Amino acid sequence: MQGLFRLNDKLGRRLVLILKNYPCSWGKCSFCPFHLEQSTNTWDIIVFNRRIIREAIRLANRENYERIAVFNGGSFSELPYDTVNELAPLAKNRIFEIESRSNFITDDFVKNLLRLLAPRKLVIRIGFEVADEEIREKLLRKGMPDSEIKRILWIRQYLGEEGLPVEFWVYVLFGIEYIPDEKVVESVKFFKKYFDGVIAIKYKKYLPEHPEEKPVSEKLARFLEREADLVDWGGEEWDIEKKN
């Protein structure tokens, strides 16, 4: 699903870049398929990403996009510096969204990124997935204990007191066998209370060893559409390329 996409949803009109990346340094999440599209060839990553970014810059300038999201099947800080540097003109004076594992996020990391990219606002999305630590660690294998949530909240408070234009958003996973509906509801309420935004992500099974999908009740669907800032139900445009 790597490439450049136009979206217009609850977050508004925006460009989404899905870039190539090195394999995730964690690589242990029980449900993640993104390793299928990653590469260990630095030059391959750089050339591929340059092409998408330069087309995105032309499109953003021509069609006046003010919100840009960059995803890379891992953490933003794992991208080659060449890719991050190429993104600077696209991020400048715009709302700029990235994803990251919590362990990469420090106050210095955020400050350095703000200096380098100069966005109007930096939005960092974190995949905590569920508020229940036992499910998150034992079943999803996220490697993000509750202590990480507390640490990110401290960084959020500190940067807010500094007056820096940064927000922290959280992904909540649903439609997966490990997470009962009541835990999804609990998670949305918890993260909405303490963070700047919540995006609910519909799980899709890609590999035989991954957890099973589960039906989403109408009650849960209505709750998510009402309470989450965005619900990503997935779709053909987000299909992961499966390698033989």
Protein backbone atom coordinates (compact mmCIF):
# COMPACT_ATOMS: atom_id res chain seq x y z
CA MET A 1 0.00 0.00 0.00
CA GLN A 2 2.99 2.31 -0.29
CA GLY A 3 2.39 5.47 -2.27
CA LEU A 4 0.60 8.81 -2.18
CA PHE A 5 -3.08 9.15 -1.30
CA ARG A 6 -5.65 11.94 -1.12
CA LEU A 7 -8.08 11.67 1.81
CA ASN A 8 -11.01 13.76 2.96
CA ASP A 9 -12.54 12.53 6.21
CA LYS A 10 -13.25 13.64 9.79
CA LEU A 11 -9.70 15.01 10.03
CA GLY A 12 -10.27 17.11 6.93
CA ARG A 13 -8.64 17.24 3.55
CA ARG A 14 -5.12 15.81 3.63
CA LEU A 15 -2.34 14.04 1.77
CA VAL A 16 -1.08 10.71 3.09
CA LEU A 17 2.37 9.42 2.18
CA ILE A 18 3.12 5.77 2.90
CA LEU A 19 6.86 5.39 2.60
CA LYS A 20 9.30 2.51 2.49
CA ASN A 21 11.29 1.84 5.65
CA TYR A 22 13.80 -0.49 7.24
CA PRO A 23 12.33 -3.40 9.23
CA CYS A 24 10.85 -2.22 12.51
CA SER A 25 13.43 -2.43 15.29
CA TRP A 26 10.84 -4.03 17.59
CA GLY A 27 9.20 -6.39 15.13
CA LYS A 28 7.37 -8.48 17.74
CA CYS A 29 3.76 -7.28 17.58
CA SER A 30 1.50 -10.31 17.14
CA PHE A 31 -0.75 -8.73 14.51
CA CYS A 32 1.46 -6.46 12.38
CA PRO A 33 1.96 -7.15 8.63
CA PHE A 34 4.15 -4.17 7.71
CA HIS A 35 7.35 -6.20 7.49
CA LEU A 36 5.97 -7.47 4.18
CA GLU A 37 6.78 -4.13 2.55
CA GLN A 38 10.01 -3.18 4.30
CA SER A 39 13.53 -3.25 2.90
CA THR A 40 17.11 -3.56 4.11
CA ASN A 41 18.46 -1.80 1.00
CA THR A 42 19.18 1.81 1.94
CA TRP A 43 19.44 3.06 -1.63
CA ASP A 44 16.18 1.36 -2.56
CA ILE A 45 14.44 3.08 0.36
CA ILE A 46 15.93 6.50 -0.44
CA VAL A 47 15.08 6.43 -4.16
CA PHE A 48 11.56 5.11 -3.60
CA ASN A 49 10.80 7.69 -0.91
CA ARG A 50 12.25 10.60 -2.89
CA ARG A 51 9.89 9.88 -5.76
CA ILE A 52 6.80 9.87 -3.50
CA ILE A 53 7.87 12.92 -1.50
CA ARG A 54 8.66 15.07 -4.53
CA GLU A 55 5.33 14.23 -6.12
CA ALA A 56 3.62 15.03 -2.80
CA ILE A 57 5.34 18.44 -2.65
CA ARG A 58 4.10 19.29 -6.16
CA LEU A 59 0.58 18.13 -5.35
CA ALA A 60 0.44 19.86 -1.95
CA ASN A 61 1.55 23.17 -3.44
CA ARG A 62 -0.72 22.93 -6.49
CA GLU A 63 -3.84 21.84 -4.58
CA ASN A 64 -3.18 23.74 -1.31
CA TYR A 65 -3.06 20.85 1.14
CA GLU A 66 -2.57 22.04 4.71
CA ARG A 67 -2.42 18.66 6.46
CA ILE A 68 0.16 15.99 5.63
CA ALA A 69 0.46 12.51 7.15
CA VAL A 70 3.58 10.37 6.75
CA PHE A 71 3.55 6.68 7.64
CA ASN A 72 6.31 4.12 7.10
CA GLY A 73 5.22 0.85 8.70
CA GLY A 74 7.28 1.64 11.79
CA SER A 75 8.61 4.71 13.57
CA PHE A 76 9.42 7.99 11.87
CA SER A 77 12.84 8.12 13.54
CA GLU A 78 13.80 4.86 11.79
CA LEU A 79 13.67 6.47 8.35
CA PRO A 80 16.94 7.36 6.60
CA TYR A 81 18.02 10.95 7.23
CA ASP A 82 17.79 11.61 3.48
CA THR A 83 14.06 10.87 3.64
CA VAL A 84 13.49 13.06 6.69
CA ASN A 85 15.42 15.91 5.07
CA GLU A 86 13.40 15.56 1.85
CA LEU A 87 10.21 15.92 3.90
CA ALA A 88 11.15 19.34 5.31
CA PRO A 89 9.60 21.45 2.49
CA LEU A 90 6.41 19.38 2.71
CA ALA A 91 6.11 19.76 6.49
CA LYS A 92 6.94 23.46 6.74
CA ASN A 93 4.01 25.58 7.97
CA ARG A 94 1.59 22.66 7.67
CA ILE A 95 -0.02 20.24 10.11
CA PHE A 96 2.35 17.29 9.90
CA GLU A 97 1.47 13.83 11.24
CA ILE A 98 3.86 10.97 11.94
CA GLU A 99 3.80 7.60 13.72
CA SER A 100 6.23 6.38 16.35
CA ARG A 101 6.74 3.72 18.94
CA SER A 102 6.72 5.37 22.33
CA ASN A 103 10.31 4.40 23.17
CA PHE A 104 11.66 6.69 20.44
CA ILE A 105 9.83 9.74 21.80
CA THR A 106 11.71 12.12 24.07
CA ASP A 107 11.38 15.85 24.60
CA ASP A 108 14.66 16.36 22.72
CA PHE A 109 13.45 14.23 19.79
CA VAL A 110 10.31 16.35 19.47
CA LYS A 111 12.19 19.64 19.77
CA ASN A 112 14.74 18.59 17.16
CA LEU A 113 12.01 17.50 14.79
CA LEU A 114 10.20 20.82 15.20
CA ARG A 115 13.42 22.69 14.41
CA LEU A 116 14.19 20.54 11.37
CA LEU A 117 10.72 20.38 9.81
CA ALA A 118 9.16 23.65 11.09
CA PRO A 119 5.54 22.44 10.91
CA ARG A 120 2.62 24.58 12.02
CA LYS A 121 1.71 21.66 14.23
CA LEU A 122 3.33 18.25 14.77
CA VAL A 123 0.97 15.35 15.46
CA ILE A 124 2.58 12.15 16.77
CA ARG A 125 0.46 9.01 16.59
CA ILE A 126 1.32 6.17 18.99
CA GLY A 127 -0.03 2.62 18.77
CA PHE A 128 -0.83 1.82 22.36
CA GLU A 129 -3.84 -0.09 20.92
CA VAL A 130 -5.58 -0.89 24.22
CA ALA A 131 -5.59 0.53 27.74
CA ASP A 132 -5.36 -2.91 29.35
CA GLU A 133 -1.66 -3.59 29.95
CA GLU A 134 -2.02 -7.38 30.09
CA ILE A 135 -3.69 -7.54 26.68
CA ARG A 136 -1.24 -5.03 25.24
CA GLU A 137 1.86 -6.83 26.47
CA LYS A 138 1.00 -10.53 26.65
CA LEU A 139 -1.33 -10.88 23.65
CA LEU A 140 -0.48 -8.03 21.29
CA ARG A 141 3.21 -8.09 22.32
CA LYS A 142 3.56 -4.33 21.90
CA GLY A 143 6.48 -3.78 24.26
CA MET A 144 4.80 -0.65 25.64
CA PRO A 145 3.97 -1.11 29.33
CA ASP A 146 1.88 1.34 31.35
CA SER A 147 5.09 3.08 32.39
CA GLU A 148 5.48 4.20 28.77
CA ILE A 149 2.01 5.74 28.75
CA LYS A 150 2.89 7.68 31.90
CA ARG A 151 6.21 8.78 30.43
CA ILE A 152 4.58 10.06 27.22
CA LEU A 153 1.98 11.93 29.27
CA TRP A 154 4.79 13.63 31.19
CA ILE A 155 6.47 14.64 27.90
CA ARG A 156 3.13 15.91 26.57
CA GLN A 157 2.64 18.05 29.67
CA TYR A 158 6.20 19.39 29.58
CA LEU A 159 6.08 20.32 25.89
CA GLY A 160 2.65 21.89 26.38
CA GLU A 161 4.02 24.07 29.17
CA GLU A 162 6.81 25.09 26.78
CA GLY A 163 4.15 26.22 24.32
CA LEU A 164 5.37 23.95 21.53
CA PRO A 165 2.95 23.00 18.72
CA VAL A 166 2.78 19.26 19.24
CA GLU A 167 -0.07 16.83 19.88
CA PHE A 168 -0.05 13.16 20.86
CA TRP A 169 -2.71 10.88 19.38
CA VAL A 170 -3.33 7.22 20.17
CA TYR A 171 -4.44 4.27 18.05
CA VAL A 172 -7.06 1.94 19.52
CA LEU A 173 -7.39 -1.46 17.85
CA PHE A 174 -10.76 -3.21 17.44
CA GLY A 175 -12.20 -6.18 15.59
CA ILE A 176 -9.47 -8.51 16.86
CA GLU A 177 -10.07 -11.65 18.92
CA TYR A 178 -7.90 -10.54 21.85
CA ILE A 179 -9.82 -7.34 22.66
CA PRO A 180 -13.44 -7.57 23.90
CA ASP A 181 -15.80 -4.74 23.00
CA GLU A 182 -15.84 -3.45 26.57
CA LYS A 183 -12.05 -3.11 26.49
CA VAL A 184 -12.27 -1.12 23.24
CA VAL A 185 -14.79 1.23 24.84
CA GLU A 186 -12.66 1.52 27.98
CA SER A 187 -9.59 2.29 25.86
CA VAL A 188 -11.24 5.02 23.80
CA LYS A 189 -12.54 6.72 26.94
CA PHE A 190 -9.16 6.46 28.71
CA PHE A 191 -6.98 7.72 25.88
CA LYS A 192 -9.46 10.43 24.92
CA LYS A 193 -9.25 11.76 28.47
CA TYR A 194 -5.47 12.02 28.61
CA PHE A 195 -4.31 12.50 25.00
CA ASP A 196 -5.11 14.92 22.19
CA GLY A 197 -6.90 12.50 19.90
CA VAL A 198 -7.96 8.88 19.38
CA ILE A 199 -8.03 6.96 16.10
CA ALA A 200 -9.82 3.60 16.11
CA ILE A 201 -8.27 1.08 13.72
CA LYS A 202 -10.19 -1.93 12.37
CA TYR A 203 -7.93 -4.98 12.52
CA LYS A 204 -7.36 -6.98 9.35
CA LYS A 205 -5.69 -10.38 9.34
CA TYR A 206 -2.98 -10.76 6.69
CA LEU A 207 -1.01 -13.86 7.69
CA PRO A 208 -2.10 -17.31 8.93
CA GLU A 209 -0.20 -16.91 12.20
CA HIS A 210 -1.92 -13.64 13.03
CA PRO A 211 -4.88 -13.39 15.47
CA GLU A 212 -8.37 -13.87 14.10
CA GLU A 213 -10.68 -11.03 13.12
CA LYS A 214 -13.93 -10.73 15.05
CA PRO A 215 -17.24 -9.17 14.00
CA VAL A 216 -17.88 -5.59 15.06
CA SER A 217 -21.26 -5.06 16.69
CA GLU A 218 -23.50 -2.20 15.62
CA LYS A 219 -23.34 -0.88 19.17
CA LEU A 220 -19.55 -0.70 19.13
CA ALA A 221 -19.52 0.80 15.63
CA ARG A 222 -21.88 3.57 16.70
CA PHE A 223 -19.81 4.26 19.81
CA LEU A 224 -16.58 4.51 17.82
CA GLU A 225 -18.04 6.79 15.16
CA ARG A 226 -19.38 9.04 17.92
CA GLU A 227 -16.43 9.09 20.31
CA ALA A 228 -13.25 8.54 18.27
CA ASP A 229 -11.74 11.40 16.31
CA LEU A 230 -11.45 9.05 13.35
CA VAL A 231 -12.41 5.43 12.63
CA ASP A 232 -10.28 3.66 10.04
CA TRP A 233 -12.39 0.80 8.76
CA GLY A 234 -9.76 -0.19 6.24
CA GLY A 235 -10.50 -0.82 2.60
CA GLU A 236 -8.95 -1.85 -0.67
CA GLU A 237 -6.90 1.34 -0.86
CA TRP A 238 -5.02 0.29 2.27
CA ASP A 239 -4.29 -3.30 1.25
CA ILE A 240 -0.82 -4.53 2.15
CA GLU A 241 1.10 -6.02 -0.73
CA LYS A 242 1.64 -9.66 0.13
CA LYS A 243 4.98 -11.01 -1.05
CA ASN A 244 5.27 -14.59 -2.26
